[in-house]
Amino acid sequence: MATSGRRRAQTIFLIITSVSILIWPGTASAVNRILNIRHWVSPDHTRIVIDTSQDAQFKVAKEDRKLTLQFEHTDLARQLPRALDISKPGIDKIAVRDIPLRTAVIELELPAPLVTNVFKLPKFQEKTYRVVIDIELPQVEKKEEEATPPGKKGPIRKRVVIIDPGHGGEDPGALGCEMGTNEKDVVLEIGRKLRDELNNCEGMHAYLTRDGDYYVPFNKRLKLARDRKADLFVSI
């Protein structure tokens, strides 16, 4: 009887151990991880991108000058800085911390009560899952419009050309297999040279939809063309 009881106990122990081995890897892999935090600044908004290993589940809380994202069942990559002093338009600092029960918290300190838009992007090719925070900069946009009035100069209206270099910011476009170049950089350089050539032509005035490494949504590119009363829209 004693031997039979020991065998039964050993059998139960082996079953429990086997089940634990099968379950543990799946449970561990289900934990999300914040891998990196990046940012870009454009004339009308600043974009913060949070790279995650899986599709993130999070809550958003907005105060006067603070935006807090709380990620459930998430830990932090070891190399991720716990504080980022960015000091860019629309964003002062970013603080990163973890709290019990595998919860990660990211706090954005804003210089003013600005409008923010938080959304997710899925995994795509070499890009991992992303949580995106767009911080609108209305005053910067207003100054931009005042600095570049629609296409009239003097009594004779110039022909207005909008040059649209694609991609930008977190969207690199195609990647060069040998030189390590990004399409976003190549098309921007082409756009700048084309703009300068056209502006040297009498009766022509050319604008770029972006003049730096940032992404401009397509509807804003079209709005720029309408506001400038463009005669031609050239996409590169």
C-alpha atoms as a PDB file:
ATOM      1  CA  MET A   1       0.000   0.000   0.000  1.00  0.00           C
ATOM      2  CA  ALA A   2       2.820   2.383   0.906  1.00  0.00           C
ATOM      3  CA  THR A   3       4.658   1.605  -2.352  1.00  0.00           C
ATOM      4  CA  SER A   4       1.471   2.164  -4.359  1.00  0.00           C
ATOM      5  CA  GLY A   5       0.922   5.497  -2.634  1.00  0.00           C
ATOM      6  CA  ARG A   6       4.458   6.642  -3.395  1.00  0.00           C
ATOM      7  CA  ARG A   7       4.062   5.683  -7.061  1.00  0.00           C
ATOM      8  CA  ARG A   8       0.781   7.600  -7.277  1.00  0.00           C
ATOM      9  CA  ALA A   9       2.393  10.656  -5.710  1.00  0.00           C
ATOM     10  CA  GLN A  10       5.342  10.437  -8.122  1.00  0.00           C
ATOM     11  CA  THR A  11       2.963  10.168 -11.071  1.00  0.00           C
ATOM     12  CA  ILE A  12       0.989  13.230  -9.938  1.00  0.00           C
ATOM     13  CA  PHE A  13       4.237  15.183  -9.433  1.00  0.00           C
ATOM     14  CA  LEU A  14       5.421  14.317 -12.974  1.00  0.00           C
ATOM     15  CA  ILE A  15       2.082  15.389 -14.455  1.00  0.00           C
ATOM     16  CA  ILE A  16       2.144  18.732 -12.602  1.00  0.00           C
ATOM     17  CA  THR A  17       5.771  19.325 -13.625  1.00  0.00           C
ATOM     18  CA  SER A  18       5.009  18.559 -17.282  1.00  0.00           C
ATOM     19  CA  VAL A  19       2.007  20.885 -17.306  1.00  0.00           C
ATOM     20  CA  SER A  20       4.081  23.662 -15.690  1.00  0.00           C
ATOM     21  CA  ILE A  21       6.782  23.276 -18.328  1.00  0.00           C
ATOM     22  CA  LEU A  22       4.183  23.509 -21.090  1.00  0.00           C
ATOM     23  CA  ILE A  23       2.409  26.532 -19.593  1.00  0.00           C
ATOM     24  CA  TRP A  24       5.378  28.624 -18.398  1.00  0.00           C
ATOM     25  CA  PRO A  25       6.898  29.595 -21.793  1.00  0.00           C
ATOM     26  CA  GLY A  26       3.514  30.772 -23.076  1.00  0.00           C
ATOM     27  CA  THR A  27       2.910  32.842 -19.965  1.00  0.00           C
ATOM     28  CA  ALA A  28       6.346  34.437 -20.141  1.00  0.00           C
ATOM     29  CA  SER A  29       6.014  35.263 -23.830  1.00  0.00           C
ATOM     30  CA  ALA A  30       2.653  36.942 -23.166  1.00  0.00           C
ATOM     31  CA  VAL A  31       4.357  39.715 -21.204  1.00  0.00           C
ATOM     32  CA  ASN A  32       4.706  42.816 -23.332  1.00  0.00           C
ATOM     33  CA  ARG A  33       7.882  44.904 -23.254  1.00  0.00           C
ATOM     34  CA  ILE A  34       8.562  48.575 -23.977  1.00  0.00           C
ATOM     35  CA  LEU A  35      11.647  48.528 -26.199  1.00  0.00           C
ATOM     36  CA  ASN A  36      12.344  52.130 -27.096  1.00  0.00           C
ATOM     37  CA  ILE A  37      10.985  55.697 -27.103  1.00  0.00           C
ATOM     38  CA  ARG A  38      11.646  57.950 -30.099  1.00  0.00           C
ATOM     39  CA  HIS A  39      10.495  61.394 -31.205  1.00  0.00           C
ATOM     40  CA  TRP A  40      10.289  63.693 -34.250  1.00  0.00           C
ATOM     41  CA  VAL A  41       9.401  67.362 -34.537  1.00  0.00           C
ATOM     42  CA  SER A  42       7.505  68.810 -37.502  1.00  0.00           C
ATOM     43  CA  PRO A  43       6.234  72.375 -38.024  1.00  0.00           C
ATOM     44  CA  ASP A  44       2.751  71.631 -36.628  1.00  0.00           C
ATOM     45  CA  HIS A  45       3.191  68.696 -34.244  1.00  0.00           C
ATOM     46  CA  THR A  46       5.676  66.670 -32.247  1.00  0.00           C
ATOM     47  CA  ARG A  47       5.400  62.879 -32.465  1.00  0.00           C
ATOM     48  CA  ILE A  48       6.437  60.484 -29.696  1.00  0.00           C
ATOM     49  CA  VAL A  49       6.737  56.814 -30.703  1.00  0.00           C
ATOM     50  CA  ILE A  50       6.842  53.999 -28.142  1.00  0.00           C
ATOM     51  CA  ASP A  51       8.092  50.697 -29.575  1.00  0.00           C
ATOM     52  CA  THR A  52       6.604  47.591 -27.936  1.00  0.00           C
ATOM     53  CA  SER A  53       7.255  43.890 -28.437  1.00  0.00           C
ATOM     54  CA  GLN A  54       3.534  43.083 -28.665  1.00  0.00           C
ATOM     55  CA  ASP A  55       0.216  44.791 -29.245  1.00  0.00           C
ATOM     56  CA  ALA A  56      -0.010  47.054 -26.180  1.00  0.00           C
ATOM     57  CA  GLN A  57      -2.928  47.362 -23.792  1.00  0.00           C
ATOM     58  CA  PHE A  58      -2.851  50.688 -21.954  1.00  0.00           C
ATOM     59  CA  LYS A  59      -4.849  53.432 -20.278  1.00  0.00           C
ATOM     60  CA  VAL A  60      -4.458  57.166 -20.935  1.00  0.00           C
ATOM     61  CA  ALA A  61      -4.903  59.914 -18.334  1.00  0.00           C
ATOM     62  CA  LYS A  62      -4.680  63.598 -19.270  1.00  0.00           C
ATOM     63  CA  GLU A  63      -4.058  66.410 -16.806  1.00  0.00           C
ATOM     64  CA  ASP A  64      -3.376  70.076 -17.445  1.00  0.00           C
ATOM     65  CA  ARG A  65       0.267  69.682 -18.487  1.00  0.00           C
ATOM     66  CA  LYS A  66       0.821  65.961 -18.113  1.00  0.00           C
ATOM     67  CA  LEU A  67      -0.104  62.932 -20.211  1.00  0.00           C
ATOM     68  CA  THR A  68       0.193  59.508 -18.551  1.00  0.00           C
ATOM     69  CA  LEU A  69       0.117  56.126 -20.271  1.00  0.00           C
ATOM     70  CA  GLN A  70      -0.203  53.036 -18.064  1.00  0.00           C
ATOM     71  CA  PHE A  71       0.687  49.759 -19.790  1.00  0.00           C
ATOM     72  CA  GLU A  72      -0.764  46.572 -18.325  1.00  0.00           C
ATOM     73  CA  HIS A  73       1.221  43.324 -18.107  1.00  0.00           C
ATOM     74  CA  THR A  74       4.308  45.113 -19.434  1.00  0.00           C
ATOM     75  CA  ASP A  75       7.905  45.427 -18.385  1.00  0.00           C
ATOM     76  CA  LEU A  76      10.718  47.746 -19.497  1.00  0.00           C
ATOM     77  CA  ALA A  77      13.742  46.921 -21.615  1.00  0.00           C
ATOM     78  CA  ARG A  78      16.923  47.062 -19.553  1.00  0.00           C
ATOM     79  CA  GLN A  79      18.584  49.648 -21.817  1.00  0.00           C
ATOM     80  CA  LEU A  80      15.551  51.979 -21.810  1.00  0.00           C
ATOM     81  CA  PRO A  81      16.371  55.297 -20.046  1.00  0.00           C
ATOM     82  CA  ARG A  82      14.124  56.083 -17.082  1.00  0.00           C
ATOM     83  CA  ALA A  83      14.169  59.809 -17.834  1.00  0.00           C
ATOM     84  CA  LEU A  84      14.422  61.701 -21.130  1.00  0.00           C
ATOM     85  CA  ASP A  85      14.963  65.471 -21.071  1.00  0.00           C
ATOM     86  CA  ILE A  86      13.759  66.248 -24.593  1.00  0.00           C
ATOM     87  CA  SER A  87      12.992  69.993 -24.437  1.00  0.00           C
ATOM     88  CA  LYS A  88      11.405  70.134 -27.882  1.00  0.00           C
ATOM     89  CA  PRO A  89       8.308  72.049 -29.022  1.00  0.00           C
ATOM     90  CA  GLY A  90       5.310  70.561 -27.219  1.00  0.00           C
ATOM     91  CA  ILE A  91       7.277  68.265 -24.887  1.00  0.00           C
ATOM     92  CA  ASP A  92       9.644  68.946 -21.984  1.00  0.00           C
ATOM     93  CA  LYS A  93      10.409  65.596 -20.349  1.00  0.00           C
ATOM     94  CA  ILE A  94       9.434  61.938 -20.402  1.00  0.00           C
ATOM     95  CA  ALA A  95       9.596  59.818 -17.237  1.00  0.00           C
ATOM     96  CA  VAL A  96       9.500  56.021 -17.354  1.00  0.00           C
ATOM     97  CA  ARG A  97       8.885  53.758 -14.342  1.00  0.00           C
ATOM     98  CA  ASP A  98       7.432  50.411 -13.417  1.00  0.00           C
ATOM     99  CA  ILE A  99       5.048  49.580 -10.590  1.00  0.00           C
ATOM    100  CA  PRO A 100       3.970  46.225  -9.111  1.00  0.00           C
ATOM    101  CA  LEU A 101       2.018  43.622 -11.075  1.00  0.00           C
ATOM    102  CA  ARG A 102       4.080  44.136 -14.237  1.00  0.00           C
ATOM    103  CA  THR A 103       2.732  47.587 -14.996  1.00  0.00           C
ATOM    104  CA  ALA A 104       4.793  50.218 -16.827  1.00  0.00           C
ATOM    105  CA  VAL A 105       4.042  53.938 -16.638  1.00  0.00           C
ATOM    106  CA  ILE A 106       5.177  56.624 -19.083  1.00  0.00           C
ATOM    107  CA  GLU A 107       4.572  60.266 -18.162  1.00  0.00           C
ATOM    108  CA  LEU A 108       4.951  63.147 -20.622  1.00  0.00           C
ATOM    109  CA  GLU A 109       5.463  66.646 -19.230  1.00  0.00           C
ATOM    110  CA  LEU A 110       4.029  69.278 -21.588  1.00  0.00           C
ATOM    111  CA  PRO A 111       4.938  72.985 -21.573  1.00  0.00           C
ATOM    112  CA  ALA A 112       1.263  73.950 -21.913  1.00  0.00           C
ATOM    113  CA  PRO A 113      -2.192  72.309 -22.068  1.00  0.00           C
ATOM    114  CA  LEU A 114      -1.794  71.116 -25.672  1.00  0.00           C
ATOM    115  CA  VAL A 115      -4.046  68.844 -27.711  1.00  0.00           C
ATOM    116  CA  THR A 116      -2.746  65.263 -27.911  1.00  0.00           C
ATOM    117  CA  ASN A 117      -3.772  62.272 -29.989  1.00  0.00           C
ATOM    118  CA  VAL A 118      -2.806  58.734 -28.895  1.00  0.00           C
ATOM    119  CA  PHE A 119      -3.153  55.730 -31.195  1.00  0.00           C
ATOM    120  CA  LYS A 120      -1.563  52.372 -32.035  1.00  0.00           C
ATOM    121  CA  LEU A 121       0.180  51.124 -35.168  1.00  0.00           C
ATOM    122  CA  PRO A 122       0.478  47.398 -35.942  1.00  0.00           C
ATOM    123  CA  LYS A 123       3.624  45.443 -36.619  1.00  0.00           C
ATOM    124  CA  PHE A 124       4.684  45.870 -40.242  1.00  0.00           C
ATOM    125  CA  GLN A 125       7.709  44.298 -41.932  1.00  0.00           C
ATOM    126  CA  GLU A 126      10.785  45.335 -39.930  1.00  0.00           C
ATOM    127  CA  LYS A 127       8.762  47.700 -37.691  1.00  0.00           C
ATOM    128  CA  THR A 128       7.547  46.430 -34.351  1.00  0.00           C
ATOM    129  CA  TYR A 129       4.272  47.366 -32.646  1.00  0.00           C
ATOM    130  CA  ARG A 130       4.052  51.082 -31.845  1.00  0.00           C
ATOM    131  CA  VAL A 131       2.083  53.460 -29.652  1.00  0.00           C
ATOM    132  CA  VAL A 132       2.082  56.958 -31.173  1.00  0.00           C
ATOM    133  CA  ILE A 133       1.435  60.258 -29.393  1.00  0.00           C
ATOM    134  CA  ASP A 134       0.948  63.328 -31.585  1.00  0.00           C
ATOM    135  CA  ILE A 135       1.187  66.677 -29.782  1.00  0.00           C
ATOM    136  CA  GLU A 136      -0.329  69.516 -31.795  1.00  0.00           C
ATOM    137  CA  LEU A 137       1.541  72.818 -32.073  1.00  0.00           C
ATOM    138  CA  PRO A 138      -1.079  75.351 -33.235  1.00  0.00           C
ATOM    139  CA  GLN A 139       1.071  78.446 -32.644  1.00  0.00           C
ATOM    140  CA  VAL A 140       3.935  76.986 -34.646  1.00  0.00           C
ATOM    141  CA  GLU A 141       1.526  76.184 -37.477  1.00  0.00           C
ATOM    142  CA  LYS A 142       0.151  79.740 -37.389  1.00  0.00           C
ATOM    143  CA  LYS A 143       3.645  81.260 -37.608  1.00  0.00           C
ATOM    144  CA  GLU A 144       4.437  78.935 -40.517  1.00  0.00           C
ATOM    145  CA  GLU A 145       1.369  80.150 -42.411  1.00  0.00           C
ATOM    146  CA  GLU A 146       2.152  83.807 -41.705  1.00  0.00           C
ATOM    147  CA  ALA A 147       5.762  83.369 -42.845  1.00  0.00           C
ATOM    148  CA  THR A 148       4.778  81.834 -46.187  1.00  0.00           C
ATOM    149  CA  PRO A 149       1.668  83.558 -47.590  1.00  0.00           C
ATOM    150  CA  PRO A 150      -0.246  81.930 -50.464  1.00  0.00           C
ATOM    151  CA  GLY A 151       1.315  82.148 -53.881  1.00  0.00           C
ATOM    152  CA  LYS A 152       1.112  85.849 -54.693  1.00  0.00           C
ATOM    153  CA  LYS A 153       4.019  88.214 -54.783  1.00  0.00           C
ATOM    154  CA  GLY A 154       3.567  91.666 -56.225  1.00  0.00           C
ATOM    155  CA  PRO A 155       1.003  92.438 -58.940  1.00  0.00           C
ATOM    156  CA  ILE A 156       1.778  89.325 -61.008  1.00  0.00           C
ATOM    157  CA  ARG A 157       0.863  85.959 -59.558  1.00  0.00           C
ATOM    158  CA  LYS A 158       3.581  83.349 -59.718  1.00  0.00           C
ATOM    159  CA  ARG A 159       2.937  79.745 -60.654  1.00  0.00           C
ATOM    160  CA  VAL A 160       2.915  77.728 -57.440  1.00  0.00           C
ATOM    161  CA  VAL A 161       4.377  74.210 -57.313  1.00  0.00           C
ATOM    162  CA  ILE A 162       4.057  71.973 -54.269  1.00  0.00           C
ATOM    163  CA  ILE A 163       6.844  69.389 -54.033  1.00  0.00           C
ATOM    164  CA  ASP A 164       6.003  66.420 -51.839  1.00  0.00           C
ATOM    165  CA  PRO A 165       8.941  64.271 -50.636  1.00  0.00           C
ATOM    166  CA  GLY A 166       7.395  61.040 -49.364  1.00  0.00           C
ATOM    167  CA  HIS A 167       7.899  59.216 -46.064  1.00  0.00           C
ATOM    168  CA  GLY A 168       9.819  60.937 -43.236  1.00  0.00           C
ATOM    169  CA  GLY A 169      10.219  60.468 -39.500  1.00  0.00           C
ATOM    170  CA  GLU A 170       9.493  56.909 -38.432  1.00  0.00           C
ATOM    171  CA  ASP A 171       8.612  55.979 -42.029  1.00  0.00           C
ATOM    172  CA  PRO A 172      11.974  55.475 -43.795  1.00  0.00           C
ATOM    173  CA  GLY A 173      10.550  54.135 -47.064  1.00  0.00           C
ATOM    174  CA  ALA A 174      12.744  51.706 -48.981  1.00  0.00           C
ATOM    175  CA  LEU A 175      16.142  50.864 -47.505  1.00  0.00           C
ATOM    176  CA  GLY A 176      19.321  50.817 -49.584  1.00  0.00           C
ATOM    177  CA  CYS A 177      20.803  47.318 -49.559  1.00  0.00           C
ATOM    178  CA  GLU A 178      24.437  48.434 -49.934  1.00  0.00           C
ATOM    179  CA  MET A 179      24.794  52.079 -48.935  1.00  0.00           C
ATOM    180  CA  GLY A 180      22.381  51.889 -45.979  1.00  0.00           C
ATOM    181  CA  THR A 181      20.422  54.866 -47.312  1.00  0.00           C
ATOM    182  CA  ASN A 182      16.772  55.563 -46.566  1.00  0.00           C
ATOM    183  CA  GLU A 183      14.300  56.553 -49.236  1.00  0.00           C
ATOM    184  CA  LYS A 184      13.011  59.384 -47.012  1.00  0.00           C
ATOM    185  CA  ASP A 185      16.453  61.061 -47.132  1.00  0.00           C
ATOM    186  CA  VAL A 186      16.923  60.586 -50.877  1.00  0.00           C
ATOM    187  CA  VAL A 187      13.531  62.025 -51.846  1.00  0.00           C
ATOM    188  CA  LEU A 188      14.002  64.984 -49.484  1.00  0.00           C
ATOM    189  CA  GLU A 189      17.330  65.843 -51.096  1.00  0.00           C
ATOM    190  CA  ILE A 190      15.748  65.577 -54.568  1.00  0.00           C
ATOM    191  CA  GLY A 191      12.841  67.762 -53.405  1.00  0.00           C
ATOM    192  CA  ARG A 192      15.150  70.468 -52.071  1.00  0.00           C
ATOM    193  CA  LYS A 193      17.163  70.604 -55.296  1.00  0.00           C
ATOM    194  CA  LEU A 194      13.990  70.748 -57.395  1.00  0.00           C
ATOM    195  CA  ARG A 195      12.591  73.530 -55.201  1.00  0.00           C
ATOM    196  CA  ASP A 196      15.763  75.590 -55.563  1.00  0.00           C
ATOM    197  CA  GLU A 197      15.818  75.098 -59.342  1.00  0.00           C
ATOM    198  CA  LEU A 198      12.185  76.174 -59.701  1.00  0.00           C
ATOM    199  CA  ASN A 199      12.612  79.189 -57.443  1.00  0.00           C
ATOM    200  CA  ASN A 200      15.417  80.366 -59.732  1.00  0.00           C
ATOM    201  CA  CYS A 201      12.968  80.370 -62.646  1.00  0.00           C
ATOM    202  CA  GLU A 202      11.087  83.594 -63.343  1.00  0.00           C
ATOM    203  CA  GLY A 203       7.403  83.384 -62.489  1.00  0.00           C
ATOM    204  CA  MET A 204       7.737  80.206 -60.362  1.00  0.00           C
ATOM    205  CA  HIS A 205       7.407  79.655 -56.626  1.00  0.00           C
ATOM    206  CA  ALA A 206       7.983  76.184 -55.148  1.00  0.00           C
ATOM    207  CA  TYR A 207       7.209  74.868 -51.641  1.00  0.00           C
ATOM    208  CA  LEU A 208       8.079  71.608 -49.907  1.00  0.00           C
ATOM    209  CA  THR A 209       5.475  69.701 -47.916  1.00  0.00           C
ATOM    210  CA  ARG A 210       8.283  68.815 -45.483  1.00  0.00           C
ATOM    211  CA  ASP A 211      11.782  70.224 -45.116  1.00  0.00           C
ATOM    212  CA  GLY A 212      13.113  67.901 -42.419  1.00  0.00           C
ATOM    213  CA  ASP A 213      12.998  64.367 -41.070  1.00  0.00           C
ATOM    214  CA  TYR A 214       9.374  64.206 -39.945  1.00  0.00           C
ATOM    215  CA  TYR A 215       6.207  62.610 -41.264  1.00  0.00           C
ATOM    216  CA  VAL A 216       3.374  64.723 -42.676  1.00  0.00           C
ATOM    217  CA  PRO A 217      -0.048  63.026 -43.029  1.00  0.00           C
ATOM    218  CA  PHE A 218      -1.370  63.006 -46.579  1.00  0.00           C
ATOM    219  CA  ASN A 219      -4.417  65.166 -45.781  1.00  0.00           C
ATOM    220  CA  LYS A 220      -2.097  67.898 -44.437  1.00  0.00           C
ATOM    221  CA  ARG A 221      -0.018  67.721 -47.618  1.00  0.00           C
ATOM    222  CA  LEU A 222      -3.160  68.313 -49.650  1.00  0.00           C
ATOM    223  CA  LYS A 223      -4.250  71.131 -47.326  1.00  0.00           C
ATOM    224  CA  LEU A 224      -0.911  72.841 -47.877  1.00  0.00           C
ATOM    225  CA  ALA A 225      -1.465  72.652 -51.645  1.00  0.00           C
ATOM    226  CA  ARG A 226      -4.973  74.096 -51.339  1.00  0.00           C
ATOM    227  CA  ASP A 227      -3.846  76.885 -48.978  1.00  0.00           C
ATOM    228  CA  ARG A 228      -1.060  77.867 -51.384  1.00  0.00           C
ATOM    229  CA  LYS A 229      -3.475  77.710 -54.360  1.00  0.00           C
ATOM    230  CA  ALA A 230      -1.051  75.349 -56.056  1.00  0.00           C
ATOM    231  CA  ASP A 231      -0.989  74.978 -59.838  1.00  0.00           C
ATOM    232  CA  LEU A 232       0.947  71.712 -59.658  1.00  0.00           C
ATOM    233  CA  PHE A 233       1.493  69.029 -57.010  1.00  0.00           C
ATOM    234  CA  VAL A 234       4.613  66.890 -57.544  1.00  0.00           C
ATOM    235  CA  SER A 235       5.018  63.748 -55.434  1.00  0.00           C
ATOM    236  CA  ILE A 236       8.531  62.299 -55.142  1.00  0.00           C
END
